[in-house]
Amino acid sequence: MQRAPGQPDTPRGMFEVWFHGRTTPRQTILMSRLTILFFLGLPGFRSKLWLRNNSTGEFGGIYEWDTVQDADNYDQSFAMKLSQRRSVPGKFYTKVYPRPDAT
């Protein structure tokens, strides 16, 4: 994949989200697919690892961003506000941090 001018070689920002949906796992998956539209075009987005536990109904995502600021911008986005609203109260968690191995 070709980098944009000025884009760092290595993603420097990380974002994690963990939640338990109020809906069935299937409905949560369908709704999560819709939120893809909210981050694919955001500046700095690099990749996402999607996680789910079929036994507990818990979901998570680990995203890579060009910068910590890019990751923080996503944490404050409409998509995250929507995800929090569709989660069981007290079962929504996000974290933004620098990628430990980025130089």
N, C-alpha and C. Protein backbone atom coordinates (compact mmCIF):
# COMPACT_ATOMS: atom_id res chain seq x y z
N MET A 1 0.84 -1.17 0.00
CA MET A 1 0.00 0.00 0.00
C MET A 1 0.89 1.24 0.00
N GLN A 2 0.59 2.17 -0.86
CA GLN A 2 1.40 3.37 -0.98
C GLN A 2 0.98 4.39 0.08
N ARG A 3 1.97 4.99 0.73
CA ARG A 3 1.70 6.00 1.75
C ARG A 3 1.47 7.35 1.09
N ALA A 4 0.68 8.16 1.75
CA ALA A 4 0.45 9.53 1.30
C ALA A 4 1.67 10.38 1.65
N PRO A 5 1.90 11.47 0.95
CA PRO A 5 3.03 12.34 1.29
C PRO A 5 2.93 12.80 2.74
N GLY A 6 4.05 12.70 3.46
CA GLY A 6 4.09 13.10 4.86
C GLY A 6 3.57 12.07 5.84
N GLN A 7 3.05 10.96 5.34
CA GLN A 7 2.52 9.93 6.23
C GLN A 7 3.69 9.15 6.84
N PRO A 8 3.66 8.92 8.16
CA PRO A 8 4.76 8.18 8.79
C PRO A 8 4.86 6.74 8.26
N ASP A 9 6.09 6.20 8.30
CA ASP A 9 6.31 4.81 7.89
C ASP A 9 5.49 3.85 8.73
N THR A 10 5.43 4.13 10.02
CA THR A 10 4.77 3.26 10.98
C THR A 10 3.63 4.01 11.65
N PRO A 11 2.47 3.39 11.81
CA PRO A 11 1.40 4.05 12.56
C PRO A 11 1.89 4.37 13.97
N ARG A 12 1.54 5.54 14.46
CA ARG A 12 2.02 5.96 15.78
C ARG A 12 0.92 6.03 16.83
N GLY A 13 -0.32 6.00 16.39
CA GLY A 13 -1.43 6.08 17.34
C GLY A 13 -2.25 4.81 17.35
N MET A 14 -2.71 4.44 18.53
CA MET A 14 -3.55 3.25 18.69
C MET A 14 -4.85 3.64 19.37
N PHE A 15 -5.90 2.94 19.00
CA PHE A 15 -7.21 3.15 19.61
C PHE A 15 -7.83 1.79 19.86
N GLU A 16 -8.36 1.60 21.06
CA GLU A 16 -9.06 0.35 21.39
C GLU A 16 -10.47 0.68 21.83
N VAL A 17 -11.40 -0.18 21.47
CA VAL A 17 -12.76 -0.09 21.96
C VAL A 17 -13.22 -1.49 22.35
N TRP A 18 -13.91 -1.58 23.48
CA TRP A 18 -14.47 -2.83 23.97
C TRP A 18 -15.88 -2.54 24.45
N PHE A 19 -16.83 -3.38 24.07
CA PHE A 19 -18.21 -3.13 24.49
C PHE A 19 -19.04 -4.40 24.44
N HIS A 20 -20.17 -4.32 25.11
CA HIS A 20 -21.18 -5.38 25.09
C HIS A 20 -22.44 -4.75 24.53
N GLY A 21 -22.87 -5.22 23.36
CA GLY A 21 -24.02 -4.63 22.70
C GLY A 21 -25.33 -4.94 23.39
N ARG A 22 -26.28 -4.02 23.22
CA ARG A 22 -27.63 -4.22 23.77
C ARG A 22 -28.45 -5.16 22.89
N THR A 23 -27.98 -5.39 21.67
CA THR A 23 -28.72 -6.21 20.71
C THR A 23 -28.07 -7.59 20.60
N THR A 24 -28.63 -8.42 19.74
CA THR A 24 -28.03 -9.74 19.52
C THR A 24 -26.66 -9.56 18.86
N PRO A 25 -25.78 -10.53 18.98
CA PRO A 25 -24.48 -10.43 18.30
C PRO A 25 -24.63 -10.17 16.80
N ARG A 26 -25.58 -10.81 16.15
CA ARG A 26 -25.77 -10.61 14.71
C ARG A 26 -26.14 -9.16 14.40
N GLN A 27 -27.05 -8.58 15.18
CA GLN A 27 -27.44 -7.19 14.97
C GLN A 27 -26.26 -6.24 15.24
N THR A 28 -25.48 -6.56 16.26
CA THR A 28 -24.31 -5.73 16.58
C THR A 28 -23.31 -5.76 15.44
N ILE A 29 -23.10 -6.92 14.86
CA ILE A 29 -22.18 -7.05 13.73
C ILE A 29 -22.67 -6.21 12.54
N LEU A 30 -23.95 -6.31 12.23
CA LEU A 30 -24.50 -5.53 11.12
C LEU A 30 -24.35 -4.03 11.36
N MET A 31 -24.63 -3.58 12.57
CA MET A 31 -24.50 -2.16 12.88
C MET A 31 -23.03 -1.73 12.83
N SER A 32 -22.14 -2.59 13.29
CA SER A 32 -20.72 -2.26 13.27
C SER A 32 -20.20 -2.13 11.84
N ARG A 33 -20.74 -2.90 10.95
CA ARG A 33 -20.34 -2.78 9.54
C ARG A 33 -20.71 -1.40 8.98
N LEU A 34 -21.81 -0.84 9.45
CA LEU A 34 -22.20 0.49 9.01
C LEU A 34 -21.21 1.55 9.47
N THR A 35 -20.63 1.37 10.66
CA THR A 35 -19.71 2.38 11.18
C THR A 35 -18.39 2.41 10.40
N ILE A 36 -18.14 1.39 9.59
CA ILE A 36 -16.94 1.39 8.74
C ILE A 36 -16.91 2.67 7.90
N LEU A 37 -18.06 3.10 7.46
CA LEU A 37 -18.14 4.32 6.64
C LEU A 37 -17.65 5.54 7.40
N PHE A 38 -17.68 5.51 8.73
CA PHE A 38 -17.29 6.66 9.53
C PHE A 38 -15.79 6.74 9.77
N PHE A 39 -15.05 5.65 9.59
CA PHE A 39 -13.61 5.76 9.84
C PHE A 39 -12.73 5.52 8.63
N LEU A 40 -13.23 4.87 7.60
CA LEU A 40 -12.40 4.62 6.43
C LEU A 40 -11.85 5.90 5.79
N GLY A 41 -12.63 6.95 5.77
CA GLY A 41 -12.20 8.17 5.14
C GLY A 41 -11.55 9.17 6.08
N LEU A 42 -11.41 8.82 7.35
CA LEU A 42 -10.83 9.77 8.29
C LEU A 42 -9.32 9.88 8.10
N PRO A 43 -8.80 11.09 8.24
CA PRO A 43 -7.35 11.27 8.12
C PRO A 43 -6.59 10.41 9.12
N GLY A 44 -5.58 9.73 8.62
CA GLY A 44 -4.70 8.97 9.49
C GLY A 44 -5.08 7.52 9.73
N PHE A 45 -6.27 7.09 9.29
CA PHE A 45 -6.67 5.70 9.53
C PHE A 45 -5.77 4.74 8.77
N ARG A 46 -5.31 3.69 9.45
CA ARG A 46 -4.44 2.68 8.83
C ARG A 46 -5.08 1.30 8.78
N SER A 47 -5.54 0.79 9.93
CA SER A 47 -6.09 -0.57 9.95
C SER A 47 -6.95 -0.77 11.18
N LYS A 48 -7.75 -1.85 11.12
CA LYS A 48 -8.60 -2.22 12.26
C LYS A 48 -8.60 -3.74 12.40
N LEU A 49 -8.45 -4.20 13.63
CA LEU A 49 -8.60 -5.61 13.96
C LEU A 49 -9.91 -5.73 14.72
N TRP A 50 -10.83 -6.52 14.19
CA TRP A 50 -12.17 -6.68 14.76
C TRP A 50 -12.17 -7.94 15.62
N LEU A 51 -12.71 -7.83 16.83
CA LEU A 51 -12.74 -8.95 17.77
C LEU A 51 -14.16 -9.16 18.29
N ARG A 52 -14.53 -10.42 18.50
CA ARG A 52 -15.82 -10.70 19.11
C ARG A 52 -15.75 -12.01 19.88
N ASN A 53 -16.53 -12.06 20.94
CA ASN A 53 -16.65 -13.26 21.75
C ASN A 53 -18.09 -13.72 21.63
N ASN A 54 -18.32 -14.77 20.86
CA ASN A 54 -19.68 -15.26 20.62
C ASN A 54 -20.35 -15.76 21.89
N SER A 55 -19.57 -16.22 22.86
CA SER A 55 -20.15 -16.75 24.09
C SER A 55 -20.70 -15.64 24.99
N THR A 56 -19.98 -14.51 25.06
CA THR A 56 -20.38 -13.44 25.98
C THR A 56 -21.10 -12.28 25.31
N GLY A 57 -21.00 -12.18 23.98
CA GLY A 57 -21.59 -11.05 23.27
C GLY A 57 -20.75 -9.79 23.34
N GLU A 58 -19.50 -9.93 23.76
CA GLU A 58 -18.60 -8.78 23.84
C GLU A 58 -17.86 -8.61 22.51
N PHE A 59 -17.58 -7.35 22.20
CA PHE A 59 -16.92 -7.00 20.95
C PHE A 59 -15.78 -6.05 21.24
N GLY A 60 -14.84 -5.99 20.32
CA GLY A 60 -13.74 -5.06 20.46
C GLY A 60 -13.12 -4.74 19.13
N GLY A 61 -12.33 -3.69 19.14
CA GLY A 61 -11.60 -3.30 17.95
C GLY A 61 -10.30 -2.65 18.35
N ILE A 62 -9.26 -2.93 17.60
CA ILE A 62 -7.97 -2.29 17.79
C ILE A 62 -7.61 -1.64 16.46
N TYR A 63 -7.45 -0.33 16.49
CA TYR A 63 -7.22 0.46 15.29
C TYR A 63 -5.82 1.05 15.32
N GLU A 64 -5.21 1.16 14.15
CA GLU A 64 -3.94 1.86 14.01
C GLU A 64 -4.21 3.17 13.27
N TRP A 65 -3.55 4.24 13.74
CA TRP A 65 -3.69 5.57 13.15
C TRP A 65 -2.30 6.16 12.94
N ASP A 66 -2.19 7.10 12.02
CA ASP A 66 -0.90 7.77 11.78
C ASP A 66 -0.36 8.41 13.04
N THR A 67 -1.24 9.07 13.80
CA THR A 67 -0.81 9.80 15.00
C THR A 67 -1.76 9.51 16.16
N VAL A 68 -1.30 9.81 17.36
CA VAL A 68 -2.15 9.69 18.54
C VAL A 68 -3.32 10.66 18.42
N GLN A 69 -3.07 11.84 17.86
CA GLN A 69 -4.16 12.82 17.67
C GLN A 69 -5.23 12.27 16.74
N ASP A 70 -4.84 11.58 15.67
CA ASP A 70 -5.82 10.96 14.77
C ASP A 70 -6.67 9.94 15.54
N ALA A 71 -6.04 9.15 16.38
CA ALA A 71 -6.76 8.15 17.19
C ALA A 71 -7.71 8.83 18.16
N ASP A 72 -7.26 9.91 18.78
CA ASP A 72 -8.10 10.65 19.71
C ASP A 72 -9.30 11.27 18.99
N ASN A 73 -9.07 11.77 17.78
CA ASN A 73 -10.18 12.33 17.01
C ASN A 73 -11.26 11.28 16.77
N TYR A 74 -10.84 10.04 16.49
CA TYR A 74 -11.83 8.99 16.29
C TYR A 74 -12.55 8.65 17.60
N ASP A 75 -11.83 8.69 18.70
CA ASP A 75 -12.44 8.42 20.00
C ASP A 75 -13.56 9.42 20.28
N GLN A 76 -13.43 10.64 19.77
CA GLN A 76 -14.43 11.69 19.99
C GLN A 76 -15.47 11.76 18.88
N SER A 77 -15.45 10.82 17.96
CA SER A 77 -16.28 10.87 16.75
C SER A 77 -17.73 10.43 16.99
N PHE A 78 -18.55 10.74 16.00
CA PHE A 78 -19.95 10.32 15.99
C PHE A 78 -20.06 8.79 16.07
N ALA A 79 -19.18 8.08 15.38
CA ALA A 79 -19.24 6.61 15.38
C ALA A 79 -19.07 6.05 16.79
N MET A 80 -18.17 6.64 17.58
CA MET A 80 -17.97 6.15 18.94
C MET A 80 -19.14 6.54 19.84
N LYS A 81 -19.70 7.70 19.63
CA LYS A 81 -20.89 8.10 20.40
C LYS A 81 -22.05 7.15 20.10
N LEU A 82 -22.21 6.78 18.84
CA LEU A 82 -23.24 5.83 18.44
C LEU A 82 -22.97 4.46 19.06
N SER A 83 -21.72 4.01 19.03
CA SER A 83 -21.37 2.71 19.61
C SER A 83 -21.66 2.69 21.11
N GLN A 84 -21.36 3.78 21.78
CA GLN A 84 -21.62 3.83 23.22
C GLN A 84 -23.12 3.77 23.51
N ARG A 85 -23.93 4.44 22.69
CA ARG A 85 -25.38 4.42 22.89
C ARG A 85 -25.98 3.04 22.67
N ARG A 86 -25.35 2.24 21.82
CA ARG A 86 -25.91 0.91 21.56
C ARG A 86 -25.26 -0.18 22.41
N SER A 87 -24.54 0.25 23.44
CA SER A 87 -23.89 -0.68 24.36
C SER A 87 -24.63 -0.75 25.69
N VAL A 88 -24.44 -1.85 26.38
CA VAL A 88 -24.98 -2.00 27.73
C VAL A 88 -24.29 -0.95 28.63
N PRO A 89 -25.06 -0.20 29.43
CA PRO A 89 -24.44 0.79 30.32
C PRO A 89 -23.34 0.17 31.18
N GLY A 90 -22.22 0.86 31.25
CA GLY A 90 -21.08 0.37 32.04
C GLY A 90 -20.23 -0.66 31.33
N LYS A 91 -20.58 -1.00 30.10
CA LYS A 91 -19.85 -2.03 29.34
C LYS A 91 -19.24 -1.46 28.06
N PHE A 92 -18.81 -0.20 28.11
CA PHE A 92 -18.20 0.45 26.96
C PHE A 92 -16.90 1.10 27.43
N TYR A 93 -15.81 0.80 26.72
CA TYR A 93 -14.49 1.28 27.14
C TYR A 93 -13.67 1.63 25.90
N THR A 94 -13.03 2.79 25.93
CA THR A 94 -12.09 3.14 24.87
C THR A 94 -10.77 3.58 25.49
N LYS A 95 -9.72 3.46 24.69
CA LYS A 95 -8.39 3.86 25.13
C LYS A 95 -7.60 4.32 23.90
N VAL A 96 -6.92 5.45 24.03
CA VAL A 96 -6.04 5.98 23.00
C VAL A 96 -4.63 6.02 23.58
N TYR A 97 -3.65 5.56 22.81
CA TYR A 97 -2.28 5.54 23.30
C TYR A 97 -1.29 5.47 22.15
N PRO A 98 -0.03 5.85 22.40
CA PRO A 98 0.97 5.73 21.34
C PRO A 98 1.33 4.27 21.11
N ARG A 99 1.57 3.93 19.88
CA ARG A 99 2.01 2.57 19.56
C ARG A 99 3.37 2.36 20.20
N PRO A 100 3.52 1.33 21.03
CA PRO A 100 4.77 1.14 21.79
C PRO A 100 6.03 0.98 20.94
N ASP A 101 5.91 0.38 19.76
CA ASP A 101 7.10 0.12 18.95
C ASP A 101 7.34 1.15 17.86
N ALA A 102 6.54 2.23 17.83
CA ALA A 102 6.71 3.27 16.81
C ALA A 102 7.92 4.14 17.12
N THR A 103 8.64 4.50 16.08
CA THR A 103 9.80 5.37 16.29
C THR A 103 9.58 6.72 15.67
